[in-house]
Amino acid sequence: MNANRTMKLSTLAAAVGFLVTGAAYALDANQAEQTVGYEVEGYGVISVSANVTGLTISAPLVPGDAPADATDTGKTYSYSTNKTDQVITAQLNEIMETGLALKLTLGTPTGDDAAGTSGGEQTLDNVTAKTLVTGVAGNGSGSIAYTLSATTAAAVGATLSKTVTFTITDA
């Protein structure tokens, strides 16, 4: 009698299993699944406004004084990053001529989710990228101020230019 009951239960279990399995296969006929893999890459992008022109060193007003610095404070920078603790650096493409120094200040960024602190004025060169803003995160913008300084050793007459490369990168 136990063998007969075991046989009936086995048959019943097989039938239920077939119905459940058959139902699952029936659903598969009008549905499909696909696994989607994804990733958000870290990014940092930066842009600057128009080129700087017209930084001109003029004669000092008083004999014996150094020439007055030439400044441009009318430019801006903007950035977007989905990382935290980024830095913005700047570097010249080539060495400054004898008697000249180009200084740069980036203002502390502003914006709804902007973060960062200005490092103050930095004298640019072509050897080392100067850190101008630290703790950069989010989306922000700020002011750019250039100062050109000269000594009496600076060459006279030539109109020159340099390229400043701005970079946003990990601290």
Protein backbone atom coordinates (compact mmCIF):
# COMPACT_ATOMS: atom_id res chain seq x y z
CA MET A 1 0.00 0.00 0.00
CA ASN A 2 2.88 2.37 0.70
CA ALA A 3 4.32 1.68 -2.72
CA ASN A 4 1.01 2.52 -4.36
CA ARG A 5 0.65 5.72 -2.35
CA THR A 6 4.25 6.71 -3.16
CA MET A 7 3.55 6.08 -6.84
CA LYS A 8 0.43 8.29 -6.74
CA LEU A 9 2.32 11.10 -4.99
CA SER A 10 5.19 10.86 -7.48
CA THR A 11 2.75 10.99 -10.38
CA LEU A 12 0.96 13.96 -8.83
CA ALA A 13 4.26 15.79 -8.21
CA ALA A 14 5.35 15.14 -11.78
CA ALA A 15 2.06 16.45 -13.11
CA VAL A 16 2.25 19.61 -10.98
CA GLY A 17 5.86 20.10 -12.04
CA PHE A 18 4.88 19.73 -15.69
CA LEU A 19 2.08 22.27 -15.31
CA VAL A 20 4.33 24.77 -13.53
CA THR A 21 7.17 24.24 -16.00
CA GLY A 22 4.80 24.33 -18.95
CA ALA A 23 3.28 27.56 -17.66
CA ALA A 24 6.75 29.10 -17.32
CA TYR A 25 7.59 28.10 -20.87
CA ALA A 26 4.29 29.48 -22.07
CA LEU A 27 5.22 32.87 -20.54
CA ASP A 28 8.62 32.73 -22.22
CA ALA A 29 6.97 32.63 -25.61
CA ASN A 30 5.76 36.23 -25.37
CA GLN A 31 8.45 37.66 -23.06
CA ALA A 32 12.20 37.98 -23.16
CA GLU A 33 14.77 39.13 -20.67
CA GLN A 34 18.09 40.83 -21.23
CA THR A 35 20.73 41.87 -18.74
CA VAL A 36 22.00 45.42 -19.22
CA GLY A 37 25.45 46.29 -17.90
CA TYR A 38 26.26 49.94 -17.32
CA GLU A 39 28.86 52.26 -15.88
CA VAL A 40 29.13 55.97 -15.18
CA GLU A 41 32.62 57.14 -16.05
CA GLY A 42 34.25 59.86 -14.03
CA TYR A 43 34.70 63.10 -15.92
CA GLY A 44 35.99 66.61 -15.53
CA VAL A 45 35.68 69.21 -18.29
CA ILE A 46 36.77 72.84 -18.26
CA SER A 47 36.38 75.79 -20.60
CA VAL A 48 37.56 79.39 -20.60
CA SER A 49 36.13 82.52 -22.18
CA ALA A 50 37.75 84.55 -24.97
CA ASN A 51 41.50 84.99 -25.38
CA VAL A 52 43.32 87.74 -23.52
CA THR A 53 44.68 90.53 -25.68
CA GLY A 54 46.19 93.89 -24.92
CA LEU A 55 48.29 93.26 -21.81
CA THR A 56 50.66 96.18 -22.33
CA ILE A 57 53.41 97.29 -19.98
CA SER A 58 53.72 101.07 -20.00
CA ALA A 59 56.44 103.37 -18.71
CA PRO A 60 56.42 104.14 -14.98
CA LEU A 61 54.93 107.46 -13.94
CA VAL A 62 57.88 108.26 -11.70
CA PRO A 63 61.51 107.87 -12.81
CA GLY A 64 63.18 105.04 -10.91
CA ASP A 65 59.92 103.13 -10.30
CA ALA A 66 59.24 99.76 -11.87
CA PRO A 67 56.87 99.69 -14.82
CA ALA A 68 53.21 99.33 -13.85
CA ASP A 69 51.70 95.85 -14.12
CA ALA A 70 49.20 95.19 -16.90
CA THR A 71 46.03 93.35 -15.84
CA ASP A 72 43.00 91.68 -17.40
CA THR A 73 40.15 90.66 -15.12
CA GLY A 74 37.36 90.28 -17.67
CA LYS A 75 37.54 86.55 -18.41
CA THR A 76 35.85 83.51 -16.85
CA TYR A 77 36.18 79.75 -16.55
CA SER A 78 33.50 77.05 -16.22
CA TYR A 79 33.75 73.40 -15.30
CA SER A 80 31.68 70.25 -14.77
CA THR A 81 32.80 67.16 -12.88
CA ASN A 82 31.09 64.18 -11.30
CA LYS A 83 34.13 63.54 -9.13
CA THR A 84 35.06 65.15 -5.83
CA ASP A 85 38.31 66.70 -4.67
CA GLN A 86 39.50 67.72 -8.13
CA VAL A 87 42.03 70.49 -8.79
CA ILE A 88 42.31 73.04 -11.59
CA THR A 89 45.84 73.72 -12.78
CA ALA A 90 47.42 75.96 -15.42
CA GLN A 91 50.74 75.87 -17.24
CA LEU A 92 52.45 77.87 -19.98
CA ASN A 93 53.43 76.28 -23.28
CA GLU A 94 56.87 77.91 -23.22
CA ILE A 95 59.14 79.94 -20.96
CA MET A 96 58.49 83.64 -20.44
CA GLU A 97 61.03 86.08 -21.85
CA THR A 98 63.65 87.64 -19.58
CA GLY A 99 62.24 90.32 -17.33
CA LEU A 100 58.58 89.24 -17.71
CA ALA A 101 56.29 87.30 -15.40
CA LEU A 102 52.73 86.18 -16.12
CA LYS A 103 50.58 85.68 -13.03
CA LEU A 104 47.14 84.09 -12.91
CA THR A 105 44.34 83.97 -10.35
CA LEU A 106 41.18 81.89 -10.65
CA GLY A 107 38.34 83.06 -8.44
CA THR A 108 36.55 80.64 -6.12
CA PRO A 109 33.89 78.88 -8.19
CA THR A 110 30.19 79.61 -7.75
CA GLY A 111 27.09 77.68 -8.81
CA ASP A 112 24.29 75.62 -7.29
CA ASP A 113 26.47 72.59 -6.58
CA ALA A 114 29.90 74.15 -7.12
CA ALA A 115 32.72 73.45 -4.72
CA GLY A 116 36.30 74.66 -4.67
CA THR A 117 38.74 77.10 -3.11
CA SER A 118 40.96 79.56 -4.98
CA GLY A 119 44.68 79.10 -4.43
CA GLY A 120 45.33 82.80 -4.99
CA GLU A 121 47.74 84.33 -7.50
CA GLN A 122 50.30 81.99 -9.07
CA THR A 123 53.24 82.85 -11.34
CA LEU A 124 53.00 80.61 -14.39
CA ASP A 125 55.86 78.77 -16.05
CA ASN A 126 56.31 76.01 -18.60
CA VAL A 127 57.87 73.48 -16.21
CA THR A 128 55.26 72.93 -13.49
CA ALA A 129 51.48 73.11 -13.64
CA LYS A 130 50.34 75.53 -10.92
CA THR A 131 47.36 74.55 -8.77
CA LEU A 132 44.85 77.39 -8.91
CA VAL A 133 41.68 75.87 -7.40
CA THR A 134 41.43 72.93 -4.96
CA GLY A 135 38.49 70.85 -3.70
CA VAL A 136 36.68 71.17 -7.03
CA ALA A 137 33.34 69.35 -7.42
CA GLY A 138 29.98 69.79 -9.16
CA ASN A 139 29.35 72.45 -11.81
CA GLY A 140 30.80 75.89 -11.35
CA SER A 141 32.31 78.99 -12.84
CA GLY A 142 34.56 81.79 -11.70
CA SER A 143 36.67 84.75 -12.69
CA ILE A 144 40.08 84.75 -14.34
CA ALA A 145 42.59 87.51 -13.60
CA TYR A 146 45.91 87.86 -15.44
CA THR A 147 48.75 90.14 -14.35
CA LEU A 148 51.80 90.79 -16.53
CA SER A 149 54.79 92.19 -14.64
CA ALA A 150 58.02 93.50 -16.13
CA THR A 151 61.41 94.64 -15.00
CA THR A 152 63.68 96.99 -16.92
CA ALA A 153 65.35 93.87 -18.39
CA ALA A 154 62.24 93.05 -20.47
CA ALA A 155 62.69 93.29 -24.24
CA VAL A 156 61.05 96.28 -25.91
CA GLY A 157 58.78 96.40 -28.93
CA ALA A 158 57.76 92.85 -29.81
CA THR A 159 54.14 91.75 -29.48
CA LEU A 160 54.31 88.30 -27.94
CA SER A 161 51.85 85.65 -26.78
CA LYS A 162 51.81 82.45 -24.77
CA THR A 163 49.31 79.63 -24.51
CA VAL A 164 47.98 78.79 -21.05
CA THR A 165 46.66 75.23 -20.68
CA PHE A 166 44.01 74.70 -18.00
CA THR A 167 43.43 71.19 -16.64
CA ILE A 168 40.91 69.70 -14.24
CA THR A 169 42.25 66.52 -12.66
CA ASP A 170 42.37 64.37 -9.54
CA ALA A 171 44.06 65.98 -6.56
